[in-house]
Amino acid sequence: MEDWSRVVLRFIDDISVEVEQLFTEVGNATETFTDEVINAFEDFSNHVIEDIENLTYHLEDSIFINFEEYYQELFEAPDLEIYINNSRAEIPENYYYEQLEINPKIQPNLVTHPACINCVNYHGRIYGDNLLVCGMHPYGWEDQNCPDWEANN
């Protein structure tokens, strides 16, 4: 019976050694795999960063060139040169709005905003899709008798 118990104990020892060796190999394989994944992710992220930097660089160049061309056209406008070359002439107050059609001005009439006709507070410029009538009443006054109406000098 002693041989049988020794065989079982030796078998259990061998199994424990094999299991320990299995866990060590699995741990090493997991560590290697993790290192490879980390390295692959670092390479991928470096490529993405390079691509983004290249895209931003080209985008900045494109924006700068377009910006420069726009302002070159703006300041080389023939009407503006006349005002700059004539020292007595002044650039009209609404030159940029009206010549370049930035925020066009809508004049009040009897149909739209009759209370605003000849009012000093009337603004009447379009921003996006919205008309700003005046600071006191951004959407205008309902009838013809606005309480904030002041004569335009």
Protein backbone atom coordinates (compact mmCIF):
# COMPACT_ATOMS: atom_id res chain seq x y z
CA MET A 1 0.00 0.00 0.00
CA GLU A 2 2.91 2.26 0.53
CA ASP A 3 3.83 2.13 -3.13
CA TRP A 4 0.36 3.08 -4.13
CA SER A 5 0.34 6.19 -1.88
CA ARG A 6 3.78 7.21 -3.12
CA VAL A 7 2.64 6.90 -6.71
CA VAL A 8 -0.39 9.07 -5.99
CA LEU A 9 1.74 11.69 -4.16
CA ARG A 10 4.30 11.71 -6.98
CA PHE A 11 1.43 12.03 -9.49
CA ILE A 12 -0.01 14.99 -7.55
CA ASP A 13 3.45 16.61 -7.35
CA ASP A 14 3.93 16.14 -11.11
CA ILE A 15 0.50 17.63 -11.81
CA SER A 16 1.21 20.63 -9.58
CA VAL A 17 4.55 21.21 -11.36
CA GLU A 18 2.82 20.96 -14.77
CA VAL A 19 0.02 23.35 -13.70
CA GLU A 20 2.56 25.82 -12.33
CA GLN A 21 4.52 25.60 -15.58
CA LEU A 22 1.28 26.12 -17.58
CA PHE A 23 0.41 29.25 -15.61
CA THR A 24 3.94 30.60 -16.05
CA GLU A 25 3.78 30.08 -19.82
CA VAL A 26 0.30 31.63 -20.03
CA GLY A 27 1.55 34.61 -17.99
CA ASN A 28 4.55 35.04 -20.30
CA ALA A 29 2.38 34.72 -23.40
CA THR A 30 -0.08 37.26 -21.99
CA GLU A 31 2.74 39.67 -21.20
CA THR A 32 4.20 39.27 -24.71
CA PHE A 33 0.78 39.75 -26.29
CA THR A 34 0.12 42.85 -24.17
CA ASP A 35 3.49 44.34 -25.16
CA GLU A 36 2.77 43.69 -28.85
CA VAL A 37 -0.70 45.28 -28.57
CA ILE A 38 0.77 48.32 -26.80
CA ASN A 39 3.48 48.68 -29.45
CA ALA A 40 0.95 48.31 -32.27
CA PHE A 41 -1.32 50.91 -30.64
CA GLU A 42 1.62 53.31 -30.20
CA ASP A 43 2.57 52.89 -33.87
CA PHE A 44 -1.03 53.42 -34.95
CA SER A 45 -1.47 56.50 -32.75
CA ASN A 46 1.83 57.94 -34.03
CA HIS A 47 0.63 57.51 -37.63
CA VAL A 48 -2.71 59.12 -36.77
CA ILE A 49 -0.95 62.05 -35.08
CA GLU A 50 1.33 62.50 -38.12
CA ASP A 51 -1.68 62.43 -40.46
CA ILE A 52 -3.54 64.97 -38.34
CA GLU A 53 -0.48 67.24 -38.18
CA ASN A 54 -0.09 67.05 -41.97
CA LEU A 55 -3.78 67.74 -42.51
CA THR A 56 -3.71 70.71 -40.11
CA TYR A 57 -0.59 72.06 -41.77
CA HIS A 58 -2.19 71.91 -45.23
CA LEU A 59 -5.48 73.23 -43.92
CA GLU A 60 -3.74 76.19 -42.26
CA ASP A 61 -1.93 76.94 -45.53
CA SER A 62 -5.18 76.74 -47.47
CA ILE A 63 -7.04 78.97 -45.01
CA PHE A 64 -4.19 81.48 -44.96
CA ILE A 65 -4.04 81.60 -48.77
CA ASN A 66 -7.83 82.03 -49.07
CA PHE A 67 -7.82 84.64 -46.30
CA GLU A 68 -4.96 86.52 -47.96
CA GLU A 69 -6.71 86.45 -51.38
CA TYR A 70 -9.99 87.65 -49.88
CA TYR A 71 -8.39 90.61 -48.12
CA GLN A 72 -6.23 91.39 -51.12
CA GLU A 73 -9.41 91.64 -53.23
CA LEU A 74 -11.12 93.63 -50.48
CA PHE A 75 -8.42 96.27 -50.17
CA GLU A 76 -7.77 96.48 -53.90
CA ALA A 77 -11.40 97.35 -54.61
CA PRO A 78 -11.49 100.29 -57.06
CA ASP A 79 -14.01 102.28 -54.99
CA LEU A 80 -11.83 101.98 -51.92
CA GLU A 81 -8.73 103.19 -53.82
CA ILE A 82 -10.61 106.34 -54.85
CA TYR A 83 -11.38 107.11 -51.20
CA ILE A 84 -7.84 106.34 -50.07
CA ASN A 85 -6.21 108.42 -52.84
CA ASN A 86 -8.48 111.42 -52.29
CA SER A 87 -7.33 112.86 -48.98
CA ARG A 88 -10.45 115.08 -48.56
CA ALA A 89 -12.93 112.29 -49.20
CA GLU A 90 -14.05 110.04 -46.39
CA ILE A 91 -15.15 106.44 -46.62
CA PRO A 92 -18.92 106.36 -46.16
CA GLU A 93 -20.10 104.93 -42.87
CA ASN A 94 -21.87 101.98 -44.49
CA TYR A 95 -19.26 101.26 -47.22
CA TYR A 96 -18.36 97.76 -46.03
CA TYR A 97 -21.97 96.80 -45.38
CA GLU A 98 -23.37 98.02 -48.67
CA GLN A 99 -20.50 97.44 -51.13
CA LEU A 100 -19.63 93.99 -49.81
CA GLU A 101 -23.24 93.09 -48.95
CA ILE A 102 -22.34 92.13 -45.39
CA ASN A 103 -25.48 92.40 -43.27
CA PRO A 104 -27.62 94.33 -45.79
CA LYS A 105 -29.87 97.09 -44.42
CA ILE A 106 -33.63 96.77 -44.84
CA GLN A 107 -35.46 100.11 -44.87
CA PRO A 108 -38.77 100.30 -42.98
CA ASN A 109 -41.91 101.06 -44.99
CA LEU A 110 -45.66 101.24 -44.43
CA VAL A 111 -45.97 97.45 -44.75
CA THR A 112 -42.95 96.28 -42.74
CA HIS A 113 -42.17 98.09 -39.49
CA PRO A 114 -44.11 101.33 -40.13
CA ALA A 115 -43.39 102.53 -36.57
CA CYS A 116 -39.68 102.61 -37.41
CA ILE A 117 -39.83 105.05 -40.34
CA ASN A 118 -37.40 107.95 -39.67
CA CYS A 119 -36.54 106.61 -36.19
CA VAL A 120 -33.01 107.25 -34.96
CA ASN A 121 -33.01 103.89 -33.13
CA TYR A 122 -33.77 101.84 -36.26
CA HIS A 123 -30.95 99.39 -37.10
CA GLY A 124 -32.51 97.17 -39.78
CA ARG A 125 -29.61 94.84 -40.58
CA ILE A 126 -29.88 91.13 -41.36
CA TYR A 127 -27.65 88.77 -39.37
CA GLY A 128 -27.82 85.24 -40.70
CA ASP A 129 -31.54 84.82 -41.35
CA ASN A 130 -32.67 87.27 -38.65
CA LEU A 131 -33.54 90.95 -38.99
CA LEU A 132 -32.46 93.09 -36.03
CA VAL A 133 -34.92 95.98 -36.06
CA CYS A 134 -33.56 97.98 -33.10
CA GLY A 135 -32.02 97.55 -29.66
CA MET A 136 -35.25 98.27 -27.78
CA HIS A 137 -37.48 96.06 -29.94
CA PRO A 138 -35.34 93.47 -31.76
CA TYR A 139 -38.35 92.13 -33.68
CA GLY A 140 -40.02 95.51 -34.25
CA TRP A 141 -43.10 97.19 -32.78
CA GLU A 142 -46.60 95.80 -33.43
CA ASP A 143 -48.43 99.01 -34.44
CA GLN A 144 -47.44 102.47 -35.76
CA ASN A 145 -46.94 104.12 -32.35
CA CYS A 146 -43.67 102.90 -30.86
CA PRO A 147 -43.07 104.32 -27.35
CA ASP A 148 -39.30 104.56 -28.01
CA TRP A 149 -39.52 106.37 -31.37
CA GLU A 150 -37.11 109.32 -31.72
CA ALA A 151 -36.82 111.56 -34.75
CA ASN A 152 -33.86 111.00 -37.05
CA ASN A 153 -31.85 114.24 -37.36
